[in-house]
Amino acid sequence: MPEPRTPDPGQTTRRPPAPDDAGTITLSVDCGGSGIKAAVLDAAGTAHAEPVRVPTPYPLPPSRLVETIAEIAATLPPPSA
């Protein structure tokens, strides 16, 4: 097994600046073999709508997956201002 690298003391590690997450709402989707589930979450992970679950269609080519996610998203309430 290779030895772990020791960082160069003159080298600094920079992380990209964190985005301004205030007001960010995300559609979180879990595509499983028996169901596709979706939830609307804020940056802290707080739900902003009831989760939705629909059976996974079969067959599920990429175009059908996108259609299904769009159909789910259309049933969810718009983000509040």
N, C-alpha and C. Protein backbone atom coordinates (compact mmCIF):
# COMPACT_ATOMS: atom_id res chain seq x y z
N MET A 1 0.85 -1.17 0.00
CA MET A 1 0.00 0.00 0.00
C MET A 1 0.90 1.24 0.00
N PRO A 2 0.58 2.26 -0.80
CA PRO A 2 1.44 3.44 -0.84
C PRO A 2 1.35 4.23 0.46
N GLU A 3 2.45 4.91 0.74
CA GLU A 3 2.50 5.77 1.93
C GLU A 3 1.60 6.99 1.70
N PRO A 4 0.89 7.44 2.76
CA PRO A 4 0.09 8.66 2.58
C PRO A 4 0.99 9.86 2.31
N ARG A 5 0.52 10.75 1.48
CA ARG A 5 1.31 11.94 1.16
C ARG A 5 1.25 12.94 2.30
N THR A 6 2.38 13.55 2.55
CA THR A 6 2.45 14.62 3.53
C THR A 6 2.29 15.93 2.79
N PRO A 7 1.33 16.78 3.23
CA PRO A 7 1.14 18.04 2.51
C PRO A 7 2.36 18.94 2.61
N ASP A 8 2.61 19.66 1.55
CA ASP A 8 3.69 20.64 1.53
C ASP A 8 3.28 21.79 2.44
N PRO A 9 4.09 22.14 3.46
CA PRO A 9 3.70 23.20 4.37
C PRO A 9 3.51 24.55 3.69
N GLY A 10 4.12 24.76 2.55
CA GLY A 10 3.96 26.02 1.83
C GLY A 10 2.72 26.05 0.95
N GLN A 11 2.06 24.90 0.84
CA GLN A 11 0.89 24.81 -0.02
C GLN A 11 -0.38 24.97 0.82
N THR A 12 -1.29 25.78 0.35
CA THR A 12 -2.55 25.94 1.06
C THR A 12 -3.65 25.24 0.30
N THR A 13 -4.60 24.75 1.04
CA THR A 13 -5.76 24.10 0.43
C THR A 13 -6.91 25.09 0.47
N ARG A 14 -7.47 25.34 -0.68
CA ARG A 14 -8.58 26.28 -0.75
C ARG A 14 -9.85 25.54 -1.10
N ARG A 15 -10.89 25.93 -0.43
CA ARG A 15 -12.21 25.41 -0.74
C ARG A 15 -12.96 26.50 -1.48
N PRO A 16 -13.79 26.11 -2.42
CA PRO A 16 -14.58 27.14 -3.10
C PRO A 16 -15.52 27.81 -2.10
N PRO A 17 -15.85 29.06 -2.31
CA PRO A 17 -16.77 29.73 -1.39
C PRO A 17 -18.12 29.04 -1.39
N ALA A 18 -18.75 29.00 -0.22
CA ALA A 18 -20.07 28.38 -0.11
C ALA A 18 -21.09 29.25 -0.82
N PRO A 19 -22.01 28.62 -1.55
CA PRO A 19 -23.04 29.43 -2.21
C PRO A 19 -23.98 30.02 -1.17
N ASP A 20 -24.65 31.07 -1.53
CA ASP A 20 -25.64 31.67 -0.64
C ASP A 20 -26.87 30.77 -0.69
N ASP A 21 -27.02 29.96 0.34
CA ASP A 21 -28.10 28.98 0.36
C ASP A 21 -29.44 29.55 0.82
N ALA A 22 -29.47 30.79 1.25
CA ALA A 22 -30.72 31.37 1.73
C ALA A 22 -31.76 31.34 0.62
N GLY A 23 -32.87 30.72 0.90
CA GLY A 23 -33.95 30.67 -0.07
C GLY A 23 -33.82 29.58 -1.11
N THR A 24 -32.77 28.77 -1.06
CA THR A 24 -32.61 27.70 -2.03
C THR A 24 -33.58 26.57 -1.72
N ILE A 25 -34.34 26.17 -2.72
CA ILE A 25 -35.27 25.04 -2.60
C ILE A 25 -34.85 24.00 -3.64
N THR A 26 -34.81 22.74 -3.21
CA THR A 26 -34.34 21.67 -4.07
C THR A 26 -35.39 20.58 -4.19
N LEU A 27 -35.57 20.07 -5.40
CA LEU A 27 -36.40 18.88 -5.61
C LEU A 27 -35.47 17.69 -5.47
N SER A 28 -35.67 16.92 -4.42
CA SER A 28 -34.86 15.74 -4.16
C SER A 28 -35.61 14.52 -4.68
N VAL A 29 -34.94 13.70 -5.50
CA VAL A 29 -35.60 12.56 -6.14
C VAL A 29 -34.83 11.29 -5.84
N ASP A 30 -35.57 10.24 -5.47
CA ASP A 30 -34.99 8.92 -5.24
C ASP A 30 -35.68 7.96 -6.20
N CYS A 31 -34.92 7.46 -7.16
CA CYS A 31 -35.47 6.54 -8.14
C CYS A 31 -35.09 5.12 -7.75
N GLY A 32 -36.07 4.34 -7.35
CA GLY A 32 -35.83 2.96 -6.94
C GLY A 32 -36.53 1.99 -7.87
N GLY A 33 -36.32 0.74 -7.65
CA GLY A 33 -36.89 -0.30 -8.50
C GLY A 33 -38.40 -0.40 -8.41
N SER A 34 -38.97 -0.07 -7.23
CA SER A 34 -40.42 -0.17 -7.09
C SER A 34 -41.12 1.18 -7.01
N GLY A 35 -40.37 2.24 -6.73
CA GLY A 35 -41.01 3.55 -6.63
C GLY A 35 -40.04 4.69 -6.88
N ILE A 36 -40.60 5.81 -7.35
CA ILE A 36 -39.85 7.05 -7.50
C ILE A 36 -40.42 8.00 -6.47
N LYS A 37 -39.56 8.49 -5.60
CA LYS A 37 -40.00 9.35 -4.52
C LYS A 37 -39.39 10.73 -4.68
N ALA A 38 -40.13 11.76 -4.29
CA ALA A 38 -39.63 13.12 -4.41
C ALA A 38 -40.05 13.93 -3.19
N ALA A 39 -39.20 14.88 -2.84
CA ALA A 39 -39.49 15.79 -1.73
C ALA A 39 -38.88 17.14 -2.06
N VAL A 40 -39.50 18.20 -1.56
CA VAL A 40 -38.99 19.56 -1.73
C VAL A 40 -38.32 19.95 -0.43
N LEU A 41 -37.02 20.26 -0.50
CA LEU A 41 -36.23 20.55 0.69
C LEU A 41 -35.53 21.89 0.57
N ASP A 42 -35.28 22.53 1.73
CA ASP A 42 -34.44 23.73 1.71
C ASP A 42 -33.00 23.32 2.00
N ALA A 43 -32.11 24.28 2.10
CA ALA A 43 -30.69 24.00 2.28
C ALA A 43 -30.40 23.27 3.58
N ALA A 44 -31.28 23.42 4.58
CA ALA A 44 -31.08 22.74 5.86
C ALA A 44 -31.70 21.34 5.86
N GLY A 45 -32.40 20.97 4.77
CA GLY A 45 -33.03 19.67 4.69
C GLY A 45 -34.45 19.64 5.22
N THR A 46 -35.03 20.82 5.48
CA THR A 46 -36.40 20.90 5.96
C THR A 46 -37.36 20.73 4.79
N ALA A 47 -38.35 19.85 4.97
CA ALA A 47 -39.33 19.60 3.92
C ALA A 47 -40.27 20.80 3.77
N HIS A 48 -40.59 21.15 2.51
CA HIS A 48 -41.50 22.25 2.23
C HIS A 48 -42.75 21.79 1.51
N ALA A 49 -42.92 20.50 1.38
CA ALA A 49 -44.13 19.91 0.79
C ALA A 49 -44.16 18.45 1.23
N GLU A 50 -45.34 17.87 1.18
CA GLU A 50 -45.46 16.45 1.51
C GLU A 50 -44.68 15.64 0.47
N PRO A 51 -43.94 14.62 0.90
CA PRO A 51 -43.23 13.78 -0.07
C PRO A 51 -44.23 13.08 -1.00
N VAL A 52 -43.78 12.78 -2.20
CA VAL A 52 -44.62 12.13 -3.21
C VAL A 52 -43.95 10.83 -3.61
N ARG A 53 -44.77 9.79 -3.84
CA ARG A 53 -44.24 8.51 -4.31
C ARG A 53 -45.15 8.00 -5.41
N VAL A 54 -44.53 7.58 -6.52
CA VAL A 54 -45.27 6.93 -7.61
C VAL A 54 -44.54 5.64 -7.95
N PRO A 55 -45.28 4.63 -8.44
CA PRO A 55 -44.61 3.40 -8.85
C PRO A 55 -43.63 3.66 -9.99
N THR A 56 -42.52 2.97 -9.97
CA THR A 56 -41.54 3.10 -11.05
C THR A 56 -42.10 2.43 -12.30
N PRO A 57 -42.22 3.18 -13.41
CA PRO A 57 -42.71 2.57 -14.64
C PRO A 57 -41.67 1.58 -15.19
N TYR A 58 -42.16 0.58 -15.89
CA TYR A 58 -41.25 -0.37 -16.52
C TYR A 58 -41.73 -0.62 -17.94
N PRO A 59 -40.87 -0.56 -18.91
CA PRO A 59 -39.46 -0.19 -18.84
C PRO A 59 -39.31 1.30 -18.54
N LEU A 60 -38.11 1.67 -18.13
CA LEU A 60 -37.85 3.06 -17.74
C LEU A 60 -36.64 3.61 -18.49
N PRO A 61 -36.82 3.93 -19.79
CA PRO A 61 -35.73 4.59 -20.50
C PRO A 61 -35.55 6.00 -19.93
N PRO A 62 -34.40 6.63 -20.17
CA PRO A 62 -34.15 7.97 -19.62
C PRO A 62 -35.26 8.98 -19.91
N SER A 63 -35.82 8.95 -21.11
CA SER A 63 -36.87 9.92 -21.44
C SER A 63 -38.10 9.73 -20.56
N ARG A 64 -38.43 8.50 -20.25
CA ARG A 64 -39.59 8.23 -19.37
C ARG A 64 -39.28 8.65 -17.94
N LEU A 65 -38.05 8.47 -17.49
CA LEU A 65 -37.67 8.91 -16.15
C LEU A 65 -37.83 10.42 -16.03
N VAL A 66 -37.35 11.15 -17.03
CA VAL A 66 -37.47 12.61 -17.02
C VAL A 66 -38.94 13.03 -17.04
N GLU A 67 -39.76 12.37 -17.85
CA GLU A 67 -41.20 12.65 -17.89
C GLU A 67 -41.83 12.43 -16.52
N THR A 68 -41.49 11.32 -15.89
CA THR A 68 -42.06 10.99 -14.58
C THR A 68 -41.68 12.01 -13.53
N ILE A 69 -40.41 12.42 -13.52
CA ILE A 69 -39.97 13.43 -12.56
C ILE A 69 -40.69 14.76 -12.83
N ALA A 70 -40.85 15.13 -14.09
CA ALA A 70 -41.55 16.37 -14.44
C ALA A 70 -43.01 16.30 -14.00
N GLU A 71 -43.65 15.14 -14.15
CA GLU A 71 -45.03 14.97 -13.71
C GLU A 71 -45.14 15.12 -12.20
N ILE A 72 -44.19 14.53 -11.48
CA ILE A 72 -44.19 14.66 -10.01
C ILE A 72 -44.00 16.13 -9.63
N ALA A 73 -43.03 16.79 -10.24
CA ALA A 73 -42.74 18.18 -9.92
C ALA A 73 -43.95 19.08 -10.17
N ALA A 74 -44.72 18.78 -11.20
CA ALA A 74 -45.89 19.59 -11.53
C ALA A 74 -46.98 19.50 -10.46
N THR A 75 -46.98 18.44 -9.67
CA THR A 75 -47.99 18.27 -8.62
C THR A 75 -47.61 18.98 -7.32
N LEU A 76 -46.37 19.42 -7.22
CA LEU A 76 -45.90 20.03 -5.98
C LEU A 76 -46.21 21.51 -5.97
N PRO A 77 -46.41 22.08 -4.77
CA PRO A 77 -46.70 23.51 -4.70
C PRO A 77 -45.47 24.32 -5.08
N PRO A 78 -45.67 25.52 -5.64
CA PRO A 78 -44.50 26.37 -5.97
C PRO A 78 -43.84 26.84 -4.69
N PRO A 79 -42.54 27.14 -4.76
CA PRO A 79 -41.86 27.64 -3.56
C PRO A 79 -42.46 28.96 -3.12
N SER A 80 -42.59 29.11 -1.82
CA SER A 80 -43.14 30.37 -1.31
C SER A 80 -42.07 31.46 -1.34
N ALA A 81 -42.47 32.66 -1.61
CA ALA A 81 -41.53 33.78 -1.73
C ALA A 81 -41.12 34.29 -0.37
